[in-house]
Amino acid sequence: MEVNVPEIRISQPILPPESSLPPGKRAADASGAAPSAIRKFLLSRGNSAYTDLSFQYLMVLCAFSIFGIVVLIFVELIGRSRLAWDQFHFEFFYKIYTDATTNTVLFWDPANSHFSALPFIYGTLVSSFLALLLAVPLAIGVAVFLTEMCPGLLRGPLAFLTELLAAIPSIVYGLWAMFVLVPLLRVHVNPVLIASLGWTGLFSDDNPTGLGFVAAAIILAIMILPIISSLTREVMTAVPHSQREAVLALGATRWEMIRMGVLRNARIGIVGAIILGLGRALGETMAVTMVIGNSPEIHRSLLSNGSSMAAVIANEFNEATSDMHRSALIEIGLALFIVTVIVNALARLLVWAVTRGAPAQTH
């Protein structure tokens, strides 16, 4: 039996060719509504090539201005330190003078034109590396806890409090060290170090003030801790979760997962964070000046007074007794500037090597 199905035809209106419609009418017909205000503005503003080119040149100028500032600082320091450089050359950084009358060692005697940066280089290196020795374990521990072990409710507040340490002015750290840290070291800590480790010569009982390298190192450690901790958390976060899951799938404990799956892959970035903290410690001025003792001498004991490159510039530049004295201080600043730039550039390069987005590798 055959069923006849009626044929259904739908008539469609015949539209004019799209090319024959004006551009504005084509856009309106395609969207079914009138052009928006943003489209009207874009259609009415004309050619924007000149504006885009001007914006590009402005951004390039802003970027290269940073290099220009660094070059200007470098050139100015070289020009101002030429007098000391022509007089002492490289001997300025290691020469040792001897007093003919008392037969004592002299390093820095502006009255007799004896200038040697050796005690300030020594003080800067000792205080900075001792600060790293104190700050690095604590900073890495904080980063590991916040990244891998901290509950979600505590992660934000703890991270905020850690980074808040970086926002405190250095003069505040110096005042706290003068009124709290130094008396604590003088009364409670230094006697214990002298009694237990005095035989090493590193903790001799020759400075009853509480000032010295240990006080400077502790305050520096507190100041660089948020920098190292923040960058360490950043590079640890950049390690793919697949590394953690792979180590746990092999039956590793949480500590083994952190050690082999996270820290091993983030070690280059952690080294960069440590070097960046070192650069911060090398250039610190006010807090170190207030607690290091400001004595241009070299002592084996870490409890002795000393000085740093930044501290001697802050203390003596305004009271420089001669052009040679001022030029010698500027040459110390030039050396500190070069070292700081190199250290920070190396640190940033190491951090970028981990956080640039490349997949981590297991060795």
Foldseek 3Di string as FASTA:
>chain_A
DDDDDDDDDDDDDDDPDPVVDDPQVSVCVVVVHHDDPVVVCVVPPPDCPVVVVVVVVVVVVVVCVVVVVLVVLLVVLCVLLVVLCVVQPPCQAPPWDADPPPRDIDADDLVVLRHHCPQQAVLLVLLLVLLLVVQLVVLLVLLCCLQPPDDPVVNVVVLVVLLVLQVDDLLVLQVCLVPPVQVCCLPPNLVVCCVPPVVVQQRPPDDNRSFASVSSSNSLNSNLSSQLNVQLNLLQVLADCVLLVVVVVVVDDPVVSCVQRRCVLSVLLSVLSSLLSSLVSSQDENSNLSGQQPDSDDGNYRRDHGHHLRHCCVVPCVPNPDSNSNSSNSVSVSVSSVVSVVSNVSSVVSSCVRNVNDHTDGD
